[in-house]
Amino acid sequence: KIYIKGFKSFAKPLELELGRGFNCFIGPNGSGKSNILEGLIFVLGKSSAKQMRAENAANLIFNGGKQGSPMREAEVSIHFSNRDKEFPVATETVKISRVVRQSGNSIYLINDEKRTRQQVVDFLNKARINPDGFNIVLQGDITLFAEMKLEDRRLLIEDISGISIYDD
């Protein structure tokens, strides 16, 4: 499951159950679909705020909108099942959290224990989870893909499929 509070448009806490395999978020424009996906890459350690459609990390915090009051921090957590022991811990579930404060500084946690960003990224890599991977399709990615030059599109498909390592 994913938990979001104070991140972008989510002033109130939001908890979503994710199924095994493929998950898709659908809804009308302005309903927060892109913000959920950006919350996902945020908690997985994406460092570029611009890739989450923000000038800086502090801009990821809910700003109060038209009538609300701004939040002091944003938090996103994701819970992974560890039944198959993909993560190098003895627990049945793994909780990864990231909190960003008004200063723009982030706090990373694994099972509620403070860690560095690099420790979180390394931990996720052991389970083959990459915040820069091609398994999360963000707003604008499909348009970008459709408008790519043919050569660039072919190279991207080769990279995703894993055959680009054989080029040499």
N, C-alpha and C. Protein backbone atom coordinates (compact mmCIF):
# COMPACT_ATOMS: atom_id res chain seq x y z
N LYS A 1 0.84 -1.18 0.00
CA LYS A 1 0.00 0.00 0.00
C LYS A 1 0.88 1.24 0.00
N ILE A 2 0.29 2.34 -0.40
CA ILE A 2 1.00 3.62 -0.40
C ILE A 2 0.21 4.60 0.48
N TYR A 3 0.93 5.37 1.27
CA TYR A 3 0.34 6.36 2.17
C TYR A 3 0.92 7.72 1.80
N ILE A 4 0.03 8.71 1.60
CA ILE A 4 0.45 10.06 1.21
C ILE A 4 -0.23 11.07 2.12
N LYS A 5 0.56 12.01 2.66
CA LYS A 5 -0.02 13.08 3.48
C LYS A 5 0.79 14.36 3.27
N GLY A 6 0.11 15.41 2.85
CA GLY A 6 0.75 16.71 2.68
C GLY A 6 1.60 16.82 1.43
N PHE A 7 1.54 15.82 0.58
CA PHE A 7 2.34 15.81 -0.64
C PHE A 7 1.50 16.39 -1.78
N LYS A 8 1.99 17.47 -2.38
CA LYS A 8 1.35 18.14 -3.51
C LYS A 8 -0.11 18.46 -3.20
N SER A 9 -1.07 17.80 -3.84
CA SER A 9 -2.48 18.15 -3.66
C SER A 9 -3.15 17.39 -2.53
N PHE A 10 -2.42 16.55 -1.81
CA PHE A 10 -3.03 15.70 -0.79
C PHE A 10 -2.84 16.26 0.62
N ALA A 11 -3.74 17.16 1.01
CA ALA A 11 -3.68 17.71 2.37
C ALA A 11 -4.13 16.66 3.38
N LYS A 12 -5.19 15.94 3.05
CA LYS A 12 -5.69 14.89 3.93
C LYS A 12 -4.93 13.60 3.62
N PRO A 13 -4.73 12.77 4.63
CA PRO A 13 -4.03 11.50 4.37
C PRO A 13 -4.79 10.64 3.36
N LEU A 14 -4.04 10.00 2.50
CA LEU A 14 -4.60 9.09 1.49
C LEU A 14 -3.86 7.77 1.60
N GLU A 15 -4.62 6.68 1.67
CA GLU A 15 -4.04 5.35 1.71
C GLU A 15 -4.62 4.54 0.57
N LEU A 16 -3.75 4.00 -0.27
CA LEU A 16 -4.17 3.20 -1.42
C LEU A 16 -3.59 1.81 -1.33
N GLU A 17 -4.44 0.81 -1.51
CA GLU A 17 -3.97 -0.57 -1.60
C GLU A 17 -3.53 -0.83 -3.03
N LEU A 18 -2.32 -1.33 -3.22
CA LEU A 18 -1.82 -1.68 -4.53
C LEU A 18 -1.86 -3.19 -4.68
N GLY A 19 -2.29 -3.65 -5.85
CA GLY A 19 -2.34 -5.09 -6.10
C GLY A 19 -1.01 -5.61 -6.59
N ARG A 20 -0.89 -6.92 -6.62
CA ARG A 20 0.31 -7.55 -7.18
C ARG A 20 0.29 -7.32 -8.68
N GLY A 21 1.46 -7.11 -9.26
CA GLY A 21 1.53 -6.94 -10.71
C GLY A 21 1.24 -5.53 -11.14
N PHE A 22 0.39 -5.39 -12.11
CA PHE A 22 0.12 -4.12 -12.79
C PHE A 22 -0.92 -3.31 -12.03
N ASN A 23 -0.63 -2.02 -11.79
CA ASN A 23 -1.58 -1.10 -11.18
C ASN A 23 -1.73 0.10 -12.08
N CYS A 24 -2.91 0.66 -12.13
CA CYS A 24 -3.19 1.80 -12.99
C CYS A 24 -4.08 2.78 -12.23
N PHE A 25 -3.79 4.06 -12.38
CA PHE A 25 -4.62 5.09 -11.76
C PHE A 25 -5.37 5.82 -12.86
N ILE A 26 -6.68 5.82 -12.78
CA ILE A 26 -7.50 6.50 -13.77
C ILE A 26 -8.45 7.45 -13.07
N GLY A 27 -8.84 8.50 -13.78
CA GLY A 27 -9.77 9.47 -13.22
C GLY A 27 -9.74 10.72 -14.05
N PRO A 28 -10.64 11.66 -13.73
CA PRO A 28 -10.72 12.89 -14.52
C PRO A 28 -9.50 13.78 -14.30
N ASN A 29 -9.31 14.73 -15.19
CA ASN A 29 -8.22 15.70 -15.04
C ASN A 29 -8.35 16.40 -13.70
N GLY A 30 -7.21 16.59 -13.05
CA GLY A 30 -7.20 17.29 -11.77
C GLY A 30 -7.51 16.43 -10.57
N SER A 31 -7.66 15.12 -10.75
CA SER A 31 -8.03 14.27 -9.62
C SER A 31 -6.82 13.77 -8.82
N GLY A 32 -5.59 14.04 -9.28
CA GLY A 32 -4.40 13.69 -8.51
C GLY A 32 -3.67 12.44 -8.98
N LYS A 33 -4.02 11.92 -10.15
CA LYS A 33 -3.36 10.70 -10.66
C LYS A 33 -1.85 10.89 -10.76
N SER A 34 -1.43 11.96 -11.38
CA SER A 34 0.01 12.21 -11.55
C SER A 34 0.68 12.44 -10.20
N ASN A 35 -0.02 13.08 -9.27
CA ASN A 35 0.56 13.32 -7.95
C ASN A 35 0.80 12.03 -7.19
N ILE A 36 -0.06 11.02 -7.40
CA ILE A 36 0.15 9.72 -6.76
C ILE A 36 1.43 9.09 -7.31
N LEU A 37 1.59 9.10 -8.62
CA LEU A 37 2.79 8.51 -9.22
C LEU A 37 4.04 9.28 -8.82
N GLU A 38 3.93 10.60 -8.75
CA GLU A 38 5.08 11.39 -8.31
C GLU A 38 5.41 11.11 -6.85
N GLY A 39 4.39 10.86 -6.03
CA GLY A 39 4.62 10.45 -4.65
C GLY A 39 5.36 9.13 -4.58
N LEU A 40 5.03 8.24 -5.50
CA LEU A 40 5.69 6.94 -5.56
C LEU A 40 7.18 7.08 -5.88
N ILE A 41 7.51 7.86 -6.91
CA ILE A 41 8.93 8.01 -7.24
C ILE A 41 9.66 8.85 -6.19
N PHE A 42 8.92 9.75 -5.52
CA PHE A 42 9.48 10.54 -4.42
C PHE A 42 9.96 9.61 -3.30
N VAL A 43 9.09 8.72 -2.84
CA VAL A 43 9.45 7.84 -1.73
C VAL A 43 10.51 6.83 -2.13
N LEU A 44 10.59 6.50 -3.41
CA LEU A 44 11.61 5.56 -3.87
C LEU A 44 12.98 6.22 -4.05
N GLY A 45 13.06 7.53 -3.80
CA GLY A 45 14.36 8.20 -3.79
C GLY A 45 14.68 9.07 -4.97
N LYS A 46 13.71 9.37 -5.81
CA LYS A 46 13.97 10.28 -6.94
C LYS A 46 14.44 11.60 -6.36
N SER A 47 15.56 12.11 -6.86
CA SER A 47 16.13 13.32 -6.26
C SER A 47 15.75 14.59 -7.00
N SER A 48 15.32 14.50 -8.24
CA SER A 48 15.00 15.70 -9.01
C SER A 48 13.56 16.14 -8.79
N ALA A 49 13.38 17.29 -8.13
CA ALA A 49 12.04 17.84 -7.92
C ALA A 49 11.41 18.23 -9.26
N LYS A 50 12.22 18.64 -10.21
CA LYS A 50 11.70 19.04 -11.52
C LYS A 50 11.00 17.89 -12.22
N GLN A 51 11.47 16.66 -12.02
CA GLN A 51 10.82 15.50 -12.61
C GLN A 51 9.50 15.19 -11.92
N MET A 52 9.26 15.87 -10.80
CA MET A 52 7.98 15.75 -10.11
C MET A 52 7.18 17.04 -10.25
N ARG A 53 7.49 17.80 -11.28
CA ARG A 53 6.80 19.04 -11.63
C ARG A 53 6.80 20.06 -10.48
N ALA A 54 7.99 20.24 -9.87
CA ALA A 54 8.16 21.23 -8.80
C ALA A 54 9.51 21.91 -8.98
N GLU A 55 9.59 23.17 -8.57
CA GLU A 55 10.86 23.91 -8.66
C GLU A 55 11.91 23.37 -7.71
N ASN A 56 11.47 23.00 -6.50
CA ASN A 56 12.38 22.45 -5.50
C ASN A 56 11.60 21.53 -4.57
N ALA A 57 12.30 20.84 -3.69
CA ALA A 57 11.66 19.85 -2.83
C ALA A 57 10.60 20.48 -1.92
N ALA A 58 10.80 21.69 -1.44
CA ALA A 58 9.82 22.33 -0.56
C ALA A 58 8.50 22.57 -1.30
N ASN A 59 8.54 22.72 -2.61
CA ASN A 59 7.32 22.93 -3.39
C ASN A 59 6.49 21.65 -3.53
N LEU A 60 6.98 20.53 -3.05
CA LEU A 60 6.22 19.29 -3.07
C LEU A 60 5.22 19.23 -1.91
N ILE A 61 5.36 20.13 -0.95
CA ILE A 61 4.49 20.17 0.22
C ILE A 61 3.21 20.92 -0.13
N PHE A 62 2.06 20.38 0.32
CA PHE A 62 0.76 21.01 0.07
C PHE A 62 0.79 22.47 0.51
N ASN A 63 0.44 23.38 -0.39
CA ASN A 63 0.59 24.81 -0.12
C ASN A 63 -0.66 25.49 0.43
N GLY A 64 -1.70 24.74 0.69
CA GLY A 64 -2.92 25.30 1.26
C GLY A 64 -4.02 25.51 0.25
N GLY A 65 -3.69 25.52 -1.01
CA GLY A 65 -4.72 25.73 -2.04
C GLY A 65 -5.36 27.10 -1.91
N LYS A 66 -6.61 27.20 -2.28
CA LYS A 66 -7.31 28.49 -2.25
C LYS A 66 -7.81 28.86 -0.87
N GLN A 67 -8.17 27.86 -0.06
CA GLN A 67 -8.79 28.18 1.23
C GLN A 67 -8.15 27.48 2.42
N GLY A 68 -7.26 26.52 2.17
CA GLY A 68 -6.65 25.78 3.27
C GLY A 68 -5.40 26.45 3.79
N SER A 69 -4.79 25.82 4.76
CA SER A 69 -3.52 26.34 5.26
C SER A 69 -2.40 25.39 4.83
N PRO A 70 -1.22 25.95 4.58
CA PRO A 70 -0.10 25.11 4.11
C PRO A 70 0.34 24.10 5.16
N MET A 71 0.81 22.97 4.69
CA MET A 71 1.34 21.94 5.58
C MET A 71 2.81 22.26 5.89
N ARG A 72 3.30 21.74 6.99
CA ARG A 72 4.70 21.97 7.37
C ARG A 72 5.64 20.96 6.73
N GLU A 73 5.09 19.81 6.36
CA GLU A 73 5.91 18.77 5.74
C GLU A 73 5.02 17.86 4.89
N ALA A 74 5.67 17.10 4.05
CA ALA A 74 4.97 16.10 3.24
C ALA A 74 5.59 14.74 3.56
N GLU A 75 4.73 13.72 3.59
CA GLU A 75 5.20 12.37 3.86
C GLU A 75 4.59 11.40 2.88
N VAL A 76 5.42 10.51 2.37
CA VAL A 76 4.94 9.41 1.53
C VAL A 76 5.60 8.14 2.04
N SER A 77 4.79 7.10 2.22
CA SER A 77 5.30 5.79 2.64
C SER A 77 4.75 4.73 1.70
N ILE A 78 5.54 3.71 1.48
CA ILE A 78 5.08 2.57 0.70
C ILE A 78 5.43 1.30 1.48
N HIS A 79 4.46 0.39 1.50
CA HIS A 79 4.65 -0.89 2.19
C HIS A 79 4.78 -1.99 1.14
N PHE A 80 5.85 -2.75 1.23
CA PHE A 80 6.08 -3.87 0.33
C PHE A 80 5.92 -5.17 1.09
N SER A 81 5.36 -6.16 0.46
CA SER A 81 5.35 -7.51 1.02
C SER A 81 6.77 -8.07 0.89
N ASN A 82 7.22 -8.74 1.92
CA ASN A 82 8.53 -9.37 1.88
C ASN A 82 8.40 -10.88 2.09
N ARG A 83 7.24 -11.43 1.71
CA ARG A 83 7.01 -12.87 1.86
C ARG A 83 8.02 -13.69 1.06
N ASP A 84 8.42 -13.17 -0.10
CA ASP A 84 9.37 -13.90 -0.95
C ASP A 84 10.83 -13.58 -0.61
N LYS A 85 11.03 -12.81 0.47
CA LYS A 85 12.38 -12.46 0.96
C LYS A 85 13.23 -11.76 -0.11
N GLU A 86 12.60 -10.86 -0.86
CA GLU A 86 13.35 -10.09 -1.85
C GLU A 86 14.19 -9.00 -1.19
N PHE A 87 13.76 -8.55 -0.02
CA PHE A 87 14.51 -7.56 0.75
C PHE A 87 15.36 -8.29 1.79
N PRO A 88 16.56 -7.79 2.08
CA PRO A 88 17.45 -8.47 3.02
C PRO A 88 17.13 -8.18 4.49
N VAL A 89 15.87 -8.39 4.86
CA VAL A 89 15.45 -8.24 6.26
C VAL A 89 14.52 -9.40 6.61
N ALA A 90 14.36 -9.66 7.89
CA ALA A 90 13.57 -10.81 8.34
C ALA A 90 12.08 -10.50 8.48
N THR A 91 11.66 -9.28 8.24
CA THR A 91 10.27 -8.90 8.43
C THR A 91 9.40 -9.32 7.25
N GLU A 92 8.09 -9.52 7.53
CA GLU A 92 7.12 -9.91 6.49
C GLU A 92 6.79 -8.75 5.55
N THR A 93 6.89 -7.52 6.07
CA THR A 93 6.64 -6.33 5.24
C THR A 93 7.80 -5.36 5.42
N VAL A 94 7.98 -4.52 4.42
CA VAL A 94 9.01 -3.49 4.46
C VAL A 94 8.32 -2.15 4.20
N LYS A 95 8.61 -1.20 5.06
CA LYS A 95 8.04 0.14 4.92
C LYS A 95 9.17 1.11 4.59
N ILE A 96 9.02 1.79 3.45
CA ILE A 96 9.95 2.83 3.04
C ILE A 96 9.21 4.15 3.16
N SER A 97 9.81 5.13 3.82
CA SER A 97 9.16 6.43 4.00
C SER A 97 10.14 7.55 3.65
N ARG A 98 9.54 8.64 3.20
CA ARG A 98 10.32 9.86 2.98
C ARG A 98 9.47 11.04 3.41
N VAL A 99 10.09 11.92 4.17
CA VAL A 99 9.44 13.14 4.65
C VAL A 99 10.27 14.31 4.15
N VAL A 100 9.60 15.32 3.59
CA VAL A 100 10.32 16.54 3.19
C VAL A 100 9.78 17.69 4.04
N ARG A 101 10.70 18.49 4.54
CA ARG A 101 10.34 19.64 5.39
C ARG A 101 10.39 20.92 4.58
N GLN A 102 9.90 22.01 5.14
CA GLN A 102 9.87 23.32 4.47
C GLN A 102 11.26 23.76 4.01
N SER A 103 12.28 23.34 4.72
CA SER A 103 13.66 23.69 4.34
C SER A 103 14.09 23.00 3.05
N GLY A 104 13.32 21.98 2.64
CA GLY A 104 13.67 21.20 1.46
C GLY A 104 14.45 19.95 1.80
N ASN A 105 14.83 19.80 3.06
CA ASN A 105 15.57 18.61 3.49
C ASN A 105 14.63 17.41 3.60
N SER A 106 15.14 16.27 3.18
CA SER A 106 14.36 15.04 3.26
C SER A 106 14.89 14.12 4.34
N ILE A 107 13.97 13.39 4.95
CA ILE A 107 14.30 12.35 5.91
C ILE A 107 13.84 11.04 5.29
N TYR A 108 14.73 10.06 5.23
CA TYR A 108 14.44 8.75 4.66
C TYR A 108 14.39 7.72 5.78
N LEU A 109 13.44 6.79 5.67
CA LEU A 109 13.32 5.76 6.69
C LEU A 109 13.08 4.40 6.05
N ILE A 110 13.65 3.37 6.64
CA ILE A 110 13.36 1.99 6.29
C ILE A 110 12.83 1.35 7.57
N ASN A 111 11.59 0.87 7.52
CA ASN A 111 10.92 0.31 8.70
C ASN A 111 11.04 1.25 9.90
N ASP A 112 10.78 2.53 9.63
CA ASP A 112 10.76 3.60 10.64
C ASP A 112 12.12 3.90 11.26
N GLU A 113 13.20 3.39 10.66
CA GLU A 113 14.55 3.72 11.14
C GLU A 113 15.20 4.65 10.13
N LYS A 114 15.77 5.74 10.64
CA LYS A 114 16.38 6.76 9.79
C LYS A 114 17.53 6.20 8.97
N ARG A 115 17.53 6.56 7.68
CA ARG A 115 18.58 6.13 6.76
C ARG A 115 18.93 7.29 5.84
N THR A 116 20.02 7.15 5.09
CA THR A 116 20.36 8.14 4.07
C THR A 116 19.64 7.75 2.78
N ARG A 117 19.58 8.69 1.85
CA ARG A 117 18.97 8.41 0.55
C ARG A 117 19.70 7.25 -0.12
N GLN A 118 21.02 7.27 -0.08
CA GLN A 118 21.80 6.22 -0.73
C GLN A 118 21.52 4.86 -0.12
N GLN A 119 21.36 4.79 1.19
CA GLN A 119 21.04 3.52 1.84
C GLN A 119 19.68 3.00 1.38
N VAL A 120 18.71 3.90 1.21
CA VAL A 120 17.39 3.50 0.74
C VAL A 120 17.48 3.01 -0.71
N VAL A 121 18.17 3.75 -1.56
CA VAL A 121 18.30 3.36 -2.97
C VAL A 121 19.02 2.02 -3.09
N ASP A 122 20.09 1.81 -2.31
CA ASP A 122 20.81 0.54 -2.33
C ASP A 122 19.92 -0.61 -1.84
N PHE A 123 19.16 -0.35 -0.80
CA PHE A 123 18.23 -1.35 -0.24
C PHE A 123 17.19 -1.74 -1.29
N LEU A 124 16.62 -0.75 -1.97
CA LEU A 124 15.61 -1.03 -3.00
C LEU A 124 16.23 -1.76 -4.19
N ASN A 125 17.47 -1.42 -4.54
CA ASN A 125 18.15 -2.09 -5.66
C ASN A 125 18.29 -3.59 -5.41
N LYS A 126 18.44 -3.99 -4.14
CA LYS A 126 18.55 -5.41 -3.82
C LYS A 126 17.28 -6.16 -4.18
N ALA A 127 16.15 -5.45 -4.20
CA ALA A 127 14.87 -6.04 -4.60
C ALA A 127 14.52 -5.68 -6.05
N ARG A 128 15.51 -5.15 -6.78
CA ARG A 128 15.35 -4.77 -8.19
C ARG A 128 14.29 -3.68 -8.39
N ILE A 129 14.29 -2.70 -7.47
CA ILE A 129 13.39 -1.55 -7.57
C ILE A 129 14.24 -0.32 -7.81
N ASN A 130 13.92 0.40 -8.88
CA ASN A 130 14.73 1.55 -9.29
C ASN A 130 13.80 2.75 -9.53
N PRO A 131 14.00 3.87 -8.81
CA PRO A 131 13.13 5.03 -9.01
C PRO A 131 13.28 5.65 -10.40
N ASP A 132 14.37 5.34 -11.08
CA ASP A 132 14.59 5.85 -12.43
C ASP A 132 14.26 4.81 -13.49
N GLY A 133 13.66 3.70 -13.08
CA GLY A 133 13.34 2.62 -14.02
C GLY A 133 12.21 3.00 -14.97
N PHE A 134 11.96 2.10 -15.89
CA PHE A 134 10.95 2.35 -16.92
C PHE A 134 9.60 1.75 -16.57
N ASN A 135 9.42 1.26 -15.35
CA ASN A 135 8.16 0.63 -15.00
C ASN A 135 7.14 1.60 -14.42
N ILE A 136 7.50 2.86 -14.28
CA ILE A 136 6.56 3.89 -13.84
C ILE A 136 6.45 4.90 -14.97
N VAL A 137 5.24 5.04 -15.51
CA VAL A 137 5.01 5.95 -16.64
C VAL A 137 4.35 7.21 -16.10
N LEU A 138 5.10 8.31 -16.16
CA LEU A 138 4.61 9.59 -15.62
C LEU A 138 3.91 10.42 -16.69
N GLN A 139 3.25 11.47 -16.23
CA GLN A 139 2.57 12.39 -17.13
C GLN A 139 3.55 12.92 -18.16
N GLY A 140 3.19 12.84 -19.41
CA GLY A 140 4.02 13.36 -20.48
C GLY A 140 4.95 12.33 -21.09
N ASP A 141 5.17 11.19 -20.42
CA ASP A 141 6.08 10.17 -20.94
C ASP A 141 5.59 9.57 -22.25
N ILE A 142 4.29 9.32 -22.37
CA ILE A 142 3.75 8.72 -23.59
C ILE A 142 3.88 9.70 -24.75
N THR A 143 3.58 10.97 -24.50
CA THR A 143 3.73 11.99 -25.55
C THR A 143 5.19 12.10 -25.97
N LEU A 144 6.08 12.11 -25.00
CA LEU A 144 7.51 12.17 -25.29
C LEU A 144 7.95 10.99 -26.14
N PHE A 145 7.48 9.81 -25.78
CA PHE A 145 7.82 8.59 -26.53
C PHE A 145 7.29 8.67 -27.96
N ALA A 146 6.05 9.12 -28.11
CA ALA A 146 5.43 9.19 -29.44
C ALA A 146 6.12 10.23 -30.34
N GLU A 147 6.67 11.28 -29.73
CA GLU A 147 7.29 12.36 -30.51
C GLU A 147 8.80 12.18 -30.69
N MET A 148 9.37 11.09 -30.15
CA MET A 148 10.80 10.85 -30.28
C MET A 148 11.17 10.56 -31.73
N LYS A 149 12.44 10.83 -32.04
CA LYS A 149 12.98 10.41 -33.32
C LYS A 149 13.01 8.88 -33.31
N LEU A 150 12.85 8.27 -34.47
CA LEU A 150 12.80 6.82 -34.57
C LEU A 150 14.02 6.15 -33.94
N GLU A 151 15.19 6.69 -34.19
CA GLU A 151 16.43 6.12 -33.65
C GLU A 151 16.42 6.16 -32.12
N ASP A 152 15.99 7.30 -31.53
CA ASP A 152 15.93 7.43 -30.07
C ASP A 152 14.92 6.45 -29.48
N ARG A 153 13.79 6.28 -30.15
CA ARG A 153 12.75 5.36 -29.68
C ARG A 153 13.28 3.92 -29.71
N ARG A 154 13.99 3.54 -30.78
CA ARG A 154 14.55 2.20 -30.88
C ARG A 154 15.56 1.96 -29.76
N LEU A 155 16.43 2.95 -29.49
CA LEU A 155 17.43 2.81 -28.43
C LEU A 155 16.76 2.65 -27.06
N LEU A 156 15.69 3.40 -26.83
CA LEU A 156 14.96 3.29 -25.56
C LEU A 156 14.34 1.90 -25.41
N ILE A 157 13.72 1.40 -26.46
CA ILE A 157 13.11 0.06 -26.41
C ILE A 157 14.18 -1.00 -26.18
N GLU A 158 15.33 -0.84 -26.82
CA GLU A 158 16.43 -1.80 -26.61
C GLU A 158 16.92 -1.75 -25.17
N ASP A 159 16.98 -0.56 -24.59
CA ASP A 159 17.41 -0.40 -23.21
C ASP A 159 16.41 -1.05 -22.25
N ILE A 160 15.13 -0.79 -22.46
CA ILE A 160 14.08 -1.34 -21.61
C ILE A 160 14.06 -2.87 -21.69
N SER A 161 14.21 -3.39 -22.90
CA SER A 161 14.15 -4.85 -23.09
C SER A 161 15.41 -5.57 -22.62
N GLY A 162 16.48 -4.81 -22.39
CA GLY A 162 17.71 -5.41 -21.89
C GLY A 162 18.66 -5.91 -22.96
N ILE A 163 18.38 -5.59 -24.22
CA ILE A 163 19.27 -6.09 -25.27
C ILE A 163 20.38 -5.10 -25.64
N SER A 164 20.31 -3.88 -25.11
CA SER A 164 21.34 -2.88 -25.43
C SER A 164 22.71 -3.27 -24.88
N ILE A 165 22.76 -4.14 -23.89
CA ILE A 165 24.06 -4.57 -23.32
C ILE A 165 24.85 -5.39 -24.32
N TYR A 166 24.20 -5.88 -25.36
CA TYR A 166 24.88 -6.70 -26.37
C TYR A 166 25.41 -5.89 -27.54
N ASP A 167 25.25 -4.58 -27.51
CA ASP A 167 25.71 -3.72 -28.61
C ASP A 167 27.19 -3.86 -28.88
N ASP A 168 27.99 -3.92 -27.83
CA ASP A 168 29.44 -4.01 -28.00
C ASP A 168 29.83 -5.33 -28.63
